[in-house]
Protein backbone atom coordinates (compact mmCIF):
# COMPACT_ATOMS: atom_id res chain seq x y z
CA UNK A 1 12.56 -11.47 8.35
CA UNK A 2 8.94 -10.50 7.77
CA UNK A 3 6.85 -8.90 10.48
CA UNK A 4 3.92 -11.12 9.57
CA UNK A 5 4.30 -14.58 8.07
CA UNK A 6 1.14 -16.61 7.68
CA UNK A 7 -1.07 -18.30 5.13
CA UNK A 8 -3.89 -15.81 5.47
CA UNK A 9 -4.00 -12.08 4.94
CA UNK A 10 -3.56 -10.10 8.19
CA UNK A 11 -6.99 -9.23 9.52
CA UNK A 12 -7.63 -5.52 9.22
CA UNK A 13 -10.83 -3.84 10.40
CA UNK A 14 -12.52 -4.35 7.02
CA UNK A 15 -11.22 -7.81 6.18
CA UNK A 16 -14.07 -9.94 7.48
CA UNK A 17 -16.75 -7.27 7.54
CA UNK A 18 -19.88 -7.50 5.45
CA UNK A 19 -19.46 -5.00 2.60
CA UNK A 20 -22.23 -2.42 2.49
CA UNK A 21 -22.99 -2.22 -1.24
CA UNK A 22 -25.07 0.91 -0.67
CA UNK A 23 -21.87 2.84 0.12
CA UNK A 24 -20.04 1.65 -2.98
CA UNK A 25 -20.22 3.78 -6.14
CA UNK A 26 -22.93 2.93 -8.63
CA UNK A 27 -21.60 1.42 -11.89
CA UNK A 28 -20.91 4.08 -14.49
CA UNK A 29 -22.42 3.60 -17.94
CA UNK A 30 -19.84 2.18 -20.38
CA UNK A 31 -18.00 4.73 -22.49
CA UNK A 32 -19.34 2.98 -25.59
CA UNK A 33 -21.87 0.28 -26.37
CA UNK A 34 -20.46 -3.22 -26.53
CA UNK A 35 -21.51 -5.69 -29.22
CA UNK A 36 -23.28 -8.92 -28.31
CA UNK A 37 -20.01 -10.83 -28.85
CA UNK A 38 -18.12 -8.41 -26.62
CA UNK A 39 -20.77 -8.68 -23.90
CA UNK A 40 -20.43 -12.46 -24.03
CA UNK A 41 -16.64 -12.17 -23.77
CA UNK A 42 -16.95 -9.81 -20.82
CA UNK A 43 -19.35 -12.18 -19.06
CA UNK A 44 -17.06 -15.20 -19.57
CA UNK A 45 -13.86 -13.30 -18.72
CA UNK A 46 -15.33 -11.92 -15.51
CA UNK A 47 -16.29 -15.37 -14.22
CA UNK A 48 -13.08 -17.05 -15.36
CA UNK A 49 -11.06 -14.23 -13.76
CA UNK A 50 -13.04 -14.37 -10.53
CA UNK A 51 -12.61 -18.14 -10.20
CA UNK A 52 -8.91 -18.00 -11.10
CA UNK A 53 -8.22 -15.43 -8.38
CA UNK A 54 -10.33 -17.39 -5.89
CA UNK A 55 -8.91 -20.86 -6.55
CA UNK A 56 -5.25 -19.86 -6.92
CA UNK A 57 -5.42 -17.21 -4.20
CA UNK A 58 -6.55 -19.77 -1.61
CA UNK A 59 -3.39 -21.82 -2.21
CA UNK A 60 -0.85 -19.00 -1.79
CA UNK A 61 1.38 -18.85 1.32
CA UNK A 62 1.84 -15.21 2.29
CA UNK A 63 4.50 -13.15 4.00
CA UNK A 64 3.98 -9.47 4.81
CA UNK A 65 6.83 -6.97 5.12
CA UNK A 66 6.01 -3.55 6.58
CA UNK A 67 2.56 -4.23 8.04
CA UNK A 68 3.29 -1.58 10.68
CA UNK A 69 3.01 1.01 7.89
CA UNK A 70 -0.57 -0.11 7.16
CA UNK A 71 -1.33 0.15 10.86
CA UNK A 72 0.17 3.66 10.96
CA UNK A 73 -1.95 4.79 8.02
CA UNK A 74 -5.07 3.31 9.60
CA UNK A 75 -4.41 4.98 12.96
CA UNK A 76 -4.25 8.38 11.23
CA UNK A 77 -7.97 7.96 10.57
CA UNK A 78 -8.15 9.80 7.24
CA UNK A 79 -8.46 6.77 4.99
CA UNK A 80 -5.99 4.93 2.75
CA UNK A 81 -5.18 5.27 -0.95
CA UNK A 82 -3.63 1.94 -1.96
CA UNK A 83 -1.10 2.50 -4.75
CA UNK A 84 0.64 -0.22 -6.78
CA UNK A 85 1.83 -1.27 -10.25
CA UNK A 86 -0.64 -2.65 -12.78
CA UNK A 87 1.30 -5.91 -13.29
CA UNK A 88 0.44 -7.03 -9.73
CA UNK A 89 -3.32 -6.78 -10.07
CA UNK A 90 -3.93 -10.54 -9.69
CA UNK A 91 -2.06 -10.98 -6.39
CA UNK A 92 -3.22 -7.60 -5.04
CA UNK A 93 -6.88 -8.44 -5.73
CA UNK A 94 -6.63 -11.50 -3.52
CA UNK A 95 -4.50 -9.96 -0.78
CA UNK A 96 -6.72 -6.90 -0.13
CA UNK A 97 -10.10 -8.56 -0.85
CA UNK A 98 -13.33 -7.92 1.07
CA UNK A 99 -12.37 -4.49 2.42
CA UNK A 100 -14.72 -2.39 0.29
CA UNK A 101 -11.78 -0.68 -1.45
CA UNK A 102 -12.85 1.37 -4.48
CA UNK A 103 -10.47 0.96 -7.42
CA UNK A 104 -10.15 3.25 -10.43
CA UNK A 105 -10.72 1.09 -13.51
CA UNK A 106 -10.75 2.19 -17.14
CA UNK A 107 -13.92 2.48 -19.19
CA UNK A 108 -12.69 0.32 -22.06
CA UNK A 109 -13.31 -3.36 -22.80
CA UNK A 110 -10.58 -4.60 -20.43
CA UNK A 111 -11.76 -2.28 -17.68
CA UNK A 112 -15.30 -3.62 -17.95
CA UNK A 113 -14.45 -7.21 -17.10
CA UNK A 114 -11.78 -6.19 -14.56
CA UNK A 115 -14.41 -4.10 -12.74
CA UNK A 116 -16.71 -7.11 -12.62
CA UNK A 117 -13.96 -9.42 -11.34
CA UNK A 118 -12.92 -7.15 -8.50
CA UNK A 119 -16.51 -6.45 -7.47
CA UNK A 120 -17.03 -10.19 -6.97
CA UNK A 121 -14.09 -10.05 -4.54
CA UNK A 122 -15.54 -7.25 -2.45
CA UNK A 123 -14.28 -4.11 -4.20
CA UNK A 124 -16.00 -1.11 -5.74
CA UNK A 125 -15.06 0.48 -9.07
CA UNK A 126 -14.77 4.15 -10.01
CA UNK A 127 -14.75 4.17 -13.79
CA UNK A 128 -12.10 6.29 -15.49
CA UNK A 129 -8.37 6.42 -16.21
CA UNK A 130 -5.53 8.86 -16.70
CA UNK A 131 -6.49 9.08 -20.37
CA UNK A 132 -10.28 9.10 -20.17
CA UNK A 133 -12.84 9.98 -17.51
CA UNK A 134 -10.21 10.72 -14.86
CA UNK A 135 -11.96 13.80 -13.49
CA UNK A 136 -15.25 12.02 -12.95
CA UNK A 137 -13.53 9.03 -11.33
CA UNK A 138 -11.51 11.24 -8.97
CA UNK A 139 -14.65 13.05 -7.85
CA UNK A 140 -16.29 9.68 -7.19
CA UNK A 141 -13.26 8.57 -5.17
CA UNK A 142 -13.35 11.76 -3.08
CA UNK A 143 -16.99 10.95 -2.29
CA UNK A 144 -16.00 7.41 -1.33
CA UNK A 145 -13.47 8.71 1.20
CA UNK A 146 -16.13 10.96 2.68
CA UNK A 147 -18.25 7.82 3.18
CA UNK A 148 -15.38 6.13 5.00
CA UNK A 149 -14.23 3.90 2.14
CA UNK A 150 -10.62 3.43 1.02
CA UNK A 151 -9.52 3.66 -2.61
CA UNK A 152 -6.82 2.23 -4.88
CA UNK A 153 -4.90 3.03 -8.06
CA UNK A 154 -2.88 0.89 -10.44
CA UNK A 155 -0.71 3.94 -10.73
CA UNK A 156 0.94 3.19 -14.11
CA UNK A 157 -2.32 2.05 -15.73
CA UNK A 158 -4.22 1.62 -17.86
CA UNK A 159 -1.58 1.47 -20.63
CA UNK A 160 1.72 2.57 -19.12
CA UNK A 161 4.48 3.41 -19.42
CA UNK A 162 5.28 0.49 -17.14
CA UNK A 163 6.58 1.47 -13.69
CA UNK A 164 6.00 5.20 -14.20
CA UNK A 165 3.75 6.68 -11.49
CA UNK A 166 0.97 9.09 -12.48
CA UNK A 167 -0.59 11.82 -10.36
CA UNK A 168 -3.90 10.21 -9.37
CA UNK A 169 -3.05 9.18 -5.81
CA UNK A 170 -1.24 12.46 -5.11
CA UNK A 171 -4.22 14.55 -6.25
CA UNK A 172 -6.62 12.38 -4.26
CA UNK A 173 -4.51 12.68 -1.10
CA UNK A 174 -4.45 16.47 -1.49
CA UNK A 175 -8.23 16.54 -1.85
CA UNK A 176 -9.03 14.18 1.04
CA UNK A 177 -6.10 14.06 3.46
CA UNK A 178 -5.98 10.28 3.04
CA UNK A 179 -2.61 8.52 3.25
CA UNK A 180 -1.02 7.09 0.12
CA UNK A 181 0.04 3.53 0.93
CA UNK A 182 2.42 2.15 -1.70
CA UNK A 183 2.77 -1.62 -1.78
CA UNK A 184 4.15 -4.37 -4.00
CA UNK A 185 2.84 -7.94 -4.15
CA UNK A 186 4.90 -10.73 -5.70
CA UNK A 187 5.01 -14.52 -6.00
CA UNK A 188 8.11 -16.69 -6.14
CA UNK A 189 6.61 -18.97 -8.77
CA UNK A 190 4.60 -17.14 -11.40
CA UNK A 191 3.51 -16.91 -15.00
CA UNK A 192 4.68 -13.74 -16.77
CA UNK A 193 2.73 -12.48 -19.79
CA UNK A 194 5.69 -10.96 -21.61
CA UNK A 195 3.66 -9.67 -24.54
CA UNK A 196 1.45 -7.50 -22.33
CA UNK A 197 2.49 -3.86 -21.84
CA UNK A 198 2.93 -4.33 -18.08
CA UNK A 199 4.28 -7.93 -18.21
CA UNK A 200 1.38 -9.08 -16.03
CA UNK A 201 2.26 -11.66 -13.39
CA UNK A 202 -0.04 -14.51 -12.30
CA UNK A 203 1.07 -16.53 -9.25
CA UNK A 204 1.33 -20.28 -9.76
CA UNK A 205 -0.77 -22.43 -7.41
CA UNK A 206 0.77 -23.12 -3.99
CA UNK A 207 3.49 -20.54 -4.52
CA UNK A 208 4.97 -18.46 -1.72
CA UNK A 209 3.84 -14.85 -2.03
CA UNK A 210 4.76 -11.63 -0.28
CA UNK A 211 3.45 -8.10 0.05
CA UNK A 212 5.87 -5.27 0.77
CA UNK A 213 4.43 -2.02 2.21
CA UNK A 214 6.09 1.41 2.37
CA UNK A 215 5.56 4.16 4.97
CA UNK A 216 2.45 6.26 4.25
CA UNK A 217 2.73 9.47 2.25
CA UNK A 218 0.33 12.38 2.90
CA UNK A 219 -0.15 15.45 0.70
CA UNK A 220 -1.10 18.77 2.28
CA UNK A 221 -4.43 20.26 1.22
CA UNK A 222 -2.70 23.51 0.29
CA UNK A 223 0.17 21.88 -1.66
CA UNK A 224 1.24 23.84 -4.74
CA UNK A 225 2.39 22.37 -8.04
CA UNK A 226 6.01 22.09 -6.93
CA UNK A 227 5.00 20.27 -3.76
CA UNK A 228 2.71 17.95 -5.72
CA UNK A 229 5.60 17.13 -8.04
CA UNK A 230 7.78 16.38 -5.02
CA UNK A 231 5.15 14.05 -3.54
CA UNK A 232 4.83 12.26 -6.88
CA UNK A 233 8.59 11.70 -6.80
CA UNK A 234 8.20 10.24 -3.29
CA UNK A 235 5.54 7.83 -4.60
CA UNK A 236 7.75 6.83 -7.53
CA UNK A 237 10.76 6.28 -5.24
CA UNK A 238 8.71 4.22 -2.75
CA UNK A 239 7.31 1.97 -5.48
CA UNK A 240 10.74 1.54 -7.08
CA UNK A 241 12.24 0.54 -3.72
CA UNK A 242 9.42 -1.91 -3.01
CA UNK A 243 9.93 -3.50 -6.43
CA UNK A 244 13.64 -3.94 -5.72
CA UNK A 245 12.83 -5.57 -2.38
CA UNK A 246 10.33 -7.91 -4.05
CA UNK A 247 12.71 -8.88 -6.84
CA UNK A 248 15.44 -9.65 -4.29
CA UNK A 249 12.92 -11.77 -2.34
CA UNK A 250 11.82 -13.57 -5.53
CA UNK A 251 15.44 -14.51 -6.22
CA UNK A 252 15.73 -16.43 -2.94
CA UNK A 253 14.87 -20.09 -3.02
């Protein structure tokens, strides 16, 4: 039985607030110049993506499992680092919208239109990935926490391996004291893009959807390499458990 079962996202302190764009990070210059055709594709993809999330998201019927863990992380007062798998980006974008969360997005072609989509839904974007620009993006995210903003990672992105957690959220928690909040969002009826590296899932309109949230994980500021590795294992285990819960929930009709 879920702790929260309703058609709207539970109202957190940032949910209905007006987002202060001045606190969000300024857009980083693209890692390379895009051609006119690519710029047109990015423009079209960003609007199509924004409208798809908006129109489908409004029809979803949500359950929330583990909301008390979000409340616990918020009460700690050090900020939240939302951590989830790349395949859930569609549902997650809708569920956590309009909170001013700053998301690490890659600097490539896909990252460009994804950054524009999420910004239209009330997010910020720190440009970089585990393979390119990670240092700059992490520094930007540290600054965001100092301004009172939360951050987020698609922790197996931008290109996998699927369901293998990387160190970004652990390093950011060590540097800021913010709590890592692992979650998993899923829909009972969904499209699965099986040819994509992450098998991206798009909820079907009017589907039931659920978000599962794990207890917060905090990394000590003086953690050594062994302790960082242990915390990364905790993140991996939490995300694996959430995925199992979500898959069991998806199998119920």
